[in-house]
Amino acid sequence: MKKYILLIVLFAVCSINNAKAQADVQYFEEVKSLGVVAGQGMACKAEKYDTFEMLARTILITKASSDNMQEQGMRIYSEEKANTYISKQFDGFYDCANINYRFNNQDIFNMTVYRDGTIKMPDGQIFTPRNPYDVTLVYEKNRNEQSSAQKIYDSEGNVRAANTSIKAEGVEAPRQNVQQQAPANQRTSAPPQTGEASVGRISRNKR
């Protein structure tokens, strides 16, 4: 009987470990994809690039299961963005008009971000960060970002990516949309405006 119970416990532990490993792989693949898209947007000077950066970094932080995973994710994101940016330089910024059209019409711009880091994806999935953080501190426009990308590319990943640790102070208030707080019963599917960071508005009562 004891052996039977032990086997059950071992099987459960293995299942949990396998599920976690699979989730980690999916996280890093998503981060890598976001980095590639960010590199294209930066190279082609896409209109919604700054908004994308804020949203991508929020996904990176919120979905990370630990500080270590978040740090690895930021490194991968920065490297993929730098590599893609340099590749677009090499091909003479080919097809940037079409790239910008696709970039500015991605589903990511229909996600909703709350001030404590909670995100609602376009498909309705809701992700809550392991620790609340002030999402308005996630991204600050950097005029030297292109030269930073060049340094990361030249160093072959040896340059340390920018720190993504966010203080969780002052985010205990009820969740509200980053763009503006919507009335409790108001809901709209209006797309975000272009330019400065903005996201679609939904009711604070998640459904």
C-alpha atoms as a PDB file:
ATOM      1  CA  MET A   1       0.000   0.000   0.000  1.00  0.00           C
ATOM      2  CA  LYS A   2       2.836   2.402   0.892  1.00  0.00           C
ATOM      3  CA  LYS A   3       4.565   1.645  -2.415  1.00  0.00           C
ATOM      4  CA  TYR A   4       1.339   2.342  -4.273  1.00  0.00           C
ATOM      5  CA  ILE A   5       0.934   5.717  -2.552  1.00  0.00           C
ATOM      6  CA  LEU A   6       4.574   6.553  -3.230  1.00  0.00           C
ATOM      7  CA  LEU A   7       4.140   5.807  -6.938  1.00  0.00           C
ATOM      8  CA  ILE A   8       1.104   8.080  -7.064  1.00  0.00           C
ATOM      9  CA  VAL A   9       3.029  10.890  -5.389  1.00  0.00           C
ATOM     10  CA  LEU A  10       5.983  10.452  -7.743  1.00  0.00           C
ATOM     11  CA  PHE A  11       3.678  10.451 -10.758  1.00  0.00           C
ATOM     12  CA  ALA A  12       1.998  13.648  -9.547  1.00  0.00           C
ATOM     13  CA  VAL A  13       5.350  15.353  -8.989  1.00  0.00           C
ATOM     14  CA  CYS A  14       6.564  14.336 -12.450  1.00  0.00           C
ATOM     15  CA  SER A  15       3.354  15.618 -14.027  1.00  0.00           C
ATOM     16  CA  ILE A  16       3.701  18.971 -12.272  1.00  0.00           C
ATOM     17  CA  ASN A  17       7.350  19.283 -13.305  1.00  0.00           C
ATOM     18  CA  ASN A  18       6.531  18.426 -16.915  1.00  0.00           C
ATOM     19  CA  ALA A  19       3.711  20.966 -16.995  1.00  0.00           C
ATOM     20  CA  LYS A  20       5.993  23.660 -15.578  1.00  0.00           C
ATOM     21  CA  ALA A  21       8.739  22.838 -18.079  1.00  0.00           C
ATOM     22  CA  GLN A  22       6.248  23.073 -20.939  1.00  0.00           C
ATOM     23  CA  ALA A  23       4.929  26.399 -19.623  1.00  0.00           C
ATOM     24  CA  ASP A  24       8.496  27.735 -19.405  1.00  0.00           C
ATOM     25  CA  VAL A  25       9.188  26.750 -23.013  1.00  0.00           C
ATOM     26  CA  GLN A  26       5.982  28.453 -24.185  1.00  0.00           C
ATOM     27  CA  TYR A  27       6.897  31.604 -22.248  1.00  0.00           C
ATOM     28  CA  PHE A  28      10.344  31.893 -23.798  1.00  0.00           C
ATOM     29  CA  GLU A  29       8.979  31.177 -27.281  1.00  0.00           C
ATOM     30  CA  GLU A  30       6.410  33.946 -26.848  1.00  0.00           C
ATOM     31  CA  VAL A  31       9.078  36.352 -25.577  1.00  0.00           C
ATOM     32  CA  LYS A  32      11.310  35.479 -28.531  1.00  0.00           C
ATOM     33  CA  SER A  33       8.473  36.145 -31.000  1.00  0.00           C
ATOM     34  CA  LEU A  34       7.693  39.480 -29.350  1.00  0.00           C
ATOM     35  CA  GLY A  35      11.357  40.445 -29.658  1.00  0.00           C
ATOM     36  CA  VAL A  36      11.397  39.694 -33.385  1.00  0.00           C
ATOM     37  CA  VAL A  37       8.278  41.776 -33.980  1.00  0.00           C
ATOM     38  CA  ALA A  38       9.672  44.618 -31.850  1.00  0.00           C
ATOM     39  CA  GLY A  39      12.867  44.613 -33.915  1.00  0.00           C
ATOM     40  CA  GLN A  40      10.884  44.950 -37.130  1.00  0.00           C
ATOM     41  CA  GLY A  41       8.798  47.765 -35.701  1.00  0.00           C
ATOM     42  CA  MET A  42      11.845  49.635 -34.450  1.00  0.00           C
ATOM     43  CA  ALA A  43      13.717  49.252 -37.760  1.00  0.00           C
ATOM     44  CA  CYS A  44      10.759  50.366 -39.849  1.00  0.00           C
ATOM     45  CA  LYS A  45       9.778  53.111 -37.393  1.00  0.00           C
ATOM     46  CA  ALA A  46       6.252  51.779 -36.971  1.00  0.00           C
ATOM     47  CA  GLU A  47       3.731  54.286 -35.675  1.00  0.00           C
ATOM     48  CA  LYS A  48       2.638  52.064 -32.782  1.00  0.00           C
ATOM     49  CA  TYR A  49       6.121  50.900 -31.798  1.00  0.00           C
ATOM     50  CA  ASP A  50       6.145  52.601 -28.378  1.00  0.00           C
ATOM     51  CA  THR A  51       2.725  51.173 -27.539  1.00  0.00           C
ATOM     52  CA  PHE A  52       3.924  47.718 -28.585  1.00  0.00           C
ATOM     53  CA  GLU A  53       7.001  48.030 -26.366  1.00  0.00           C
ATOM     54  CA  MET A  54       4.862  48.823 -23.334  1.00  0.00           C
ATOM     55  CA  LEU A  55       2.486  45.931 -24.011  1.00  0.00           C
ATOM     56  CA  ALA A  56       5.232  43.414 -24.820  1.00  0.00           C
ATOM     57  CA  ARG A  57       7.174  44.251 -21.663  1.00  0.00           C
ATOM     58  CA  THR A  58       3.993  43.972 -19.604  1.00  0.00           C
ATOM     59  CA  ILE A  59       3.402  40.481 -21.022  1.00  0.00           C
ATOM     60  CA  LEU A  60       7.027  39.575 -20.313  1.00  0.00           C
ATOM     61  CA  ILE A  61       6.804  40.650 -16.663  1.00  0.00           C
ATOM     62  CA  THR A  62       3.273  39.485 -15.872  1.00  0.00           C
ATOM     63  CA  LYS A  63       3.653  35.991 -17.318  1.00  0.00           C
ATOM     64  CA  ALA A  64       7.074  35.303 -15.748  1.00  0.00           C
ATOM     65  CA  SER A  65       6.787  32.845 -12.854  1.00  0.00           C
ATOM     66  CA  SER A  66       9.927  34.111 -11.095  1.00  0.00           C
ATOM     67  CA  ASP A  67      12.429  36.964 -11.052  1.00  0.00           C
ATOM     68  CA  ASN A  68      14.987  34.714 -12.725  1.00  0.00           C
ATOM     69  CA  MET A  69      12.589  33.830 -15.553  1.00  0.00           C
ATOM     70  CA  GLN A  70      11.771  37.507 -16.011  1.00  0.00           C
ATOM     71  CA  GLU A  71      15.468  38.374 -16.272  1.00  0.00           C
ATOM     72  CA  GLN A  72      16.061  35.587 -18.803  1.00  0.00           C
ATOM     73  CA  GLY A  73      12.988  36.682 -20.730  1.00  0.00           C
ATOM     74  CA  MET A  74      14.208  40.269 -20.945  1.00  0.00           C
ATOM     75  CA  ARG A  75      17.604  39.109 -22.185  1.00  0.00           C
ATOM     76  CA  ILE A  76      16.039  36.930 -24.891  1.00  0.00           C
ATOM     77  CA  TYR A  77      13.613  39.693 -25.871  1.00  0.00           C
ATOM     78  CA  SER A  78      16.396  42.282 -26.166  1.00  0.00           C
ATOM     79  CA  GLU A  79      18.653  39.969 -28.177  1.00  0.00           C
ATOM     80  CA  GLU A  80      15.930  38.976 -30.631  1.00  0.00           C
ATOM     81  CA  LYS A  81      14.913  42.606 -31.071  1.00  0.00           C
ATOM     82  CA  ALA A  82      18.520  43.673 -31.684  1.00  0.00           C
ATOM     83  CA  ASN A  83      19.197  40.844 -34.143  1.00  0.00           C
ATOM     84  CA  THR A  84      16.033  41.568 -36.104  1.00  0.00           C
ATOM     85  CA  TYR A  85      16.743  45.292 -36.159  1.00  0.00           C
ATOM     86  CA  ILE A  86      20.237  44.739 -37.573  1.00  0.00           C
ATOM     87  CA  SER A  87      18.892  42.237 -40.125  1.00  0.00           C
ATOM     88  CA  LYS A  88      16.505  44.875 -41.431  1.00  0.00           C
ATOM     89  CA  GLN A  89      19.431  47.243 -41.792  1.00  0.00           C
ATOM     90  CA  PHE A  90      21.288  44.634 -43.848  1.00  0.00           C
ATOM     91  CA  ASP A  91      18.359  44.135 -46.225  1.00  0.00           C
ATOM     92  CA  GLY A  92      17.958  47.869 -46.728  1.00  0.00           C
ATOM     93  CA  PHE A  93      14.716  48.039 -44.698  1.00  0.00           C
ATOM     94  CA  TYR A  94      12.993  46.033 -47.412  1.00  0.00           C
ATOM     95  CA  ASP A  95       9.162  45.944 -47.432  1.00  0.00           C
ATOM     96  CA  CYS A  96       8.818  48.279 -44.446  1.00  0.00           C
ATOM     97  CA  ALA A  97       5.504  49.640 -45.725  1.00  0.00           C
ATOM     98  CA  ASN A  98       3.857  46.219 -45.509  1.00  0.00           C
ATOM     99  CA  ILE A  99       5.661  45.405 -42.259  1.00  0.00           C
ATOM    100  CA  ASN A 100       4.325  48.592 -40.674  1.00  0.00           C
ATOM    101  CA  TYR A 101       0.789  47.850 -41.834  1.00  0.00           C
ATOM    102  CA  ARG A 102       0.888  44.394 -40.246  1.00  0.00           C
ATOM    103  CA  PHE A 103       2.665  45.721 -37.171  1.00  0.00           C
ATOM    104  CA  ASN A 104       0.091  48.451 -36.506  1.00  0.00           C
ATOM    105  CA  ASN A 105      -2.844  46.040 -36.891  1.00  0.00           C
ATOM    106  CA  GLN A 106      -1.780  43.276 -34.495  1.00  0.00           C
ATOM    107  CA  ASP A 107      -4.184  41.732 -31.981  1.00  0.00           C
ATOM    108  CA  ILE A 108      -1.836  42.763 -29.179  1.00  0.00           C
ATOM    109  CA  PHE A 109      -3.211  46.296 -29.420  1.00  0.00           C
ATOM    110  CA  ASN A 110      -6.632  44.961 -28.386  1.00  0.00           C
ATOM    111  CA  MET A 111      -5.391  43.639 -25.046  1.00  0.00           C
ATOM    112  CA  THR A 112      -6.218  45.467 -21.819  1.00  0.00           C
ATOM    113  CA  VAL A 113      -3.646  46.322 -19.163  1.00  0.00           C
ATOM    114  CA  TYR A 114      -4.470  47.231 -15.569  1.00  0.00           C
ATOM    115  CA  ARG A 115      -2.295  49.356 -13.312  1.00  0.00           C
ATOM    116  CA  ASP A 116      -1.282  46.418 -11.090  1.00  0.00           C
ATOM    117  CA  GLY A 117       0.072  44.431 -14.063  1.00  0.00           C
ATOM    118  CA  THR A 118      -2.983  42.265 -14.681  1.00  0.00           C
ATOM    119  CA  ILE A 119      -3.596  41.772 -18.398  1.00  0.00           C
ATOM    120  CA  LYS A 120      -6.570  40.601 -20.421  1.00  0.00           C
ATOM    121  CA  MET A 121      -5.556  39.171 -23.787  1.00  0.00           C
ATOM    122  CA  PRO A 122      -7.624  39.659 -26.951  1.00  0.00           C
ATOM    123  CA  ASP A 123      -8.893  36.065 -26.657  1.00  0.00           C
ATOM    124  CA  GLY A 124     -10.256  36.797 -23.165  1.00  0.00           C
ATOM    125  CA  GLN A 125      -7.536  35.064 -21.139  1.00  0.00           C
ATOM    126  CA  ILE A 126      -6.598  36.924 -17.967  1.00  0.00           C
ATOM    127  CA  PHE A 127      -3.103  36.781 -16.459  1.00  0.00           C
ATOM    128  CA  THR A 128      -2.240  38.130 -13.015  1.00  0.00           C
ATOM    129  CA  PRO A 129       1.384  38.943 -12.094  1.00  0.00           C
ATOM    130  CA  ARG A 130       3.082  37.011  -9.280  1.00  0.00           C
ATOM    131  CA  ASN A 131       3.497  40.392  -7.551  1.00  0.00           C
ATOM    132  CA  PRO A 132       1.557  43.585  -8.331  1.00  0.00           C
ATOM    133  CA  TYR A 133       3.614  46.314  -9.997  1.00  0.00           C
ATOM    134  CA  ASP A 134       3.075  49.773 -11.450  1.00  0.00           C
ATOM    135  CA  VAL A 135       2.635  49.100 -15.157  1.00  0.00           C
ATOM    136  CA  THR A 136       3.174  52.777 -16.012  1.00  0.00           C
ATOM    137  CA  LEU A 137       6.868  52.279 -15.137  1.00  0.00           C
ATOM    138  CA  VAL A 138       7.399  49.396 -17.558  1.00  0.00           C
ATOM    139  CA  TYR A 139       8.529  51.390 -20.569  1.00  0.00           C
ATOM    140  CA  GLU A 140      10.078  54.797 -21.103  1.00  0.00           C
ATOM    141  CA  LYS A 141      10.858  55.966 -24.625  1.00  0.00           C
ATOM    142  CA  ASN A 142      14.583  55.725 -25.284  1.00  0.00           C
ATOM    143  CA  ARG A 143      16.051  57.830 -28.080  1.00  0.00           C
ATOM    144  CA  ASN A 144      19.284  55.801 -27.915  1.00  0.00           C
ATOM    145  CA  GLU A 145      17.511  52.464 -28.324  1.00  0.00           C
ATOM    146  CA  GLN A 146      18.885  51.830 -31.809  1.00  0.00           C
ATOM    147  CA  SER A 147      22.492  52.304 -30.675  1.00  0.00           C
ATOM    148  CA  SER A 148      21.752  50.028 -27.698  1.00  0.00           C
ATOM    149  CA  ALA A 149      20.476  47.376 -30.114  1.00  0.00           C
ATOM    150  CA  GLN A 150      23.689  47.692 -32.101  1.00  0.00           C
ATOM    151  CA  LYS A 151      25.747  47.151 -28.929  1.00  0.00           C
ATOM    152  CA  ILE A 152      23.735  44.047 -28.007  1.00  0.00           C
ATOM    153  CA  TYR A 153      24.177  42.676 -31.535  1.00  0.00           C
ATOM    154  CA  ASP A 154      27.936  43.403 -31.598  1.00  0.00           C
ATOM    155  CA  SER A 155      28.439  41.813 -28.189  1.00  0.00           C
ATOM    156  CA  GLU A 156      26.649  38.585 -29.263  1.00  0.00           C
ATOM    157  CA  GLY A 157      24.432  38.740 -26.198  1.00  0.00           C
ATOM    158  CA  ASN A 158      27.118  39.678 -23.671  1.00  0.00           C
ATOM    159  CA  VAL A 159      25.657  43.113 -22.960  1.00  0.00           C
ATOM    160  CA  ARG A 160      23.290  42.970 -20.004  1.00  0.00           C
ATOM    161  CA  ALA A 161      19.698  43.763 -20.915  1.00  0.00           C
ATOM    162  CA  ALA A 162      17.958  46.666 -19.232  1.00  0.00           C
ATOM    163  CA  ASN A 163      16.584  45.931 -15.783  1.00  0.00           C
ATOM    164  CA  THR A 164      12.862  45.150 -15.699  1.00  0.00           C
ATOM    165  CA  SER A 165      12.326  45.019 -11.938  1.00  0.00           C
ATOM    166  CA  ILE A 166       9.342  47.184 -11.001  1.00  0.00           C
ATOM    167  CA  LYS A 167       8.494  48.515  -7.561  1.00  0.00           C
ATOM    168  CA  ALA A 168       5.124  47.315  -6.319  1.00  0.00           C
ATOM    169  CA  GLU A 169       4.511  50.380  -4.162  1.00  0.00           C
ATOM    170  CA  GLY A 170       1.265  52.262  -4.556  1.00  0.00           C
ATOM    171  CA  VAL A 171      -0.629  49.684  -6.594  1.00  0.00           C
ATOM    172  CA  GLU A 172      -3.029  48.400  -3.968  1.00  0.00           C
ATOM    173  CA  ALA A 173      -5.881  50.513  -5.335  1.00  0.00           C
ATOM    174  CA  PRO A 174      -8.682  48.804  -7.336  1.00  0.00           C
ATOM    175  CA  ARG A 175      -7.556  47.766 -10.808  1.00  0.00           C
ATOM    176  CA  GLN A 176      -8.157  50.265 -13.543  1.00  0.00           C
ATOM    177  CA  ASN A 177      -7.269  50.580 -17.164  1.00  0.00           C
ATOM    178  CA  VAL A 178      -3.935  52.206 -17.936  1.00  0.00           C
ATOM    179  CA  GLN A 179      -5.495  54.627 -20.382  1.00  0.00           C
ATOM    180  CA  GLN A 180      -8.281  55.775 -18.063  1.00  0.00           C
ATOM    181  CA  GLN A 181     -10.661  54.370 -15.492  1.00  0.00           C
ATOM    182  CA  ALA A 182     -13.924  53.282 -17.087  1.00  0.00           C
ATOM    183  CA  PRO A 183     -17.320  53.396 -15.325  1.00  0.00           C
ATOM    184  CA  ALA A 184     -18.101  50.098 -13.621  1.00  0.00           C
ATOM    185  CA  ASN A 185     -20.711  48.990 -16.161  1.00  0.00           C
ATOM    186  CA  GLN A 186     -19.196  50.515 -19.293  1.00  0.00           C
ATOM    187  CA  ARG A 187     -17.653  48.247 -21.877  1.00  0.00           C
ATOM    188  CA  THR A 188     -16.390  49.036 -25.337  1.00  0.00           C
ATOM    189  CA  SER A 189     -14.428  47.269 -28.028  1.00  0.00           C
ATOM    190  CA  ALA A 190     -13.111  50.483 -29.535  1.00  0.00           C
ATOM    191  CA  PRO A 191      -9.545  50.082 -30.817  1.00  0.00           C
ATOM    192  CA  PRO A 192      -6.763  52.047 -29.129  1.00  0.00           C
ATOM    193  CA  GLN A 193      -5.562  55.318 -30.539  1.00  0.00           C
ATOM    194  CA  THR A 194      -2.222  55.420 -32.279  1.00  0.00           C
ATOM    195  CA  GLY A 195       0.855  57.206 -30.975  1.00  0.00           C
ATOM    196  CA  GLU A 196       1.307  57.327 -27.198  1.00  0.00           C
ATOM    197  CA  ALA A 197       0.791  54.142 -25.213  1.00  0.00           C
ATOM    198  CA  SER A 198      -2.886  53.288 -24.985  1.00  0.00           C
ATOM    199  CA  VAL A 199      -5.009  50.181 -24.744  1.00  0.00           C
ATOM    200  CA  GLY A 200      -8.658  49.351 -25.265  1.00  0.00           C
ATOM    201  CA  ARG A 201     -11.070  50.034 -22.430  1.00  0.00           C
ATOM    202  CA  ILE A 202     -13.206  47.417 -20.705  1.00  0.00           C
ATOM    203  CA  SER A 203     -15.168  47.245 -17.487  1.00  0.00           C
ATOM    204  CA  ARG A 204     -13.196  46.709 -14.307  1.00  0.00           C
ATOM    205  CA  ASN A 205     -15.545  43.806 -13.600  1.00  0.00           C
ATOM    206  CA  LYS A 206     -13.721  41.029 -15.463  1.00  0.00           C
ATOM    207  CA  ARG A 207     -15.942  38.549 -17.293  1.00  0.00           C
END
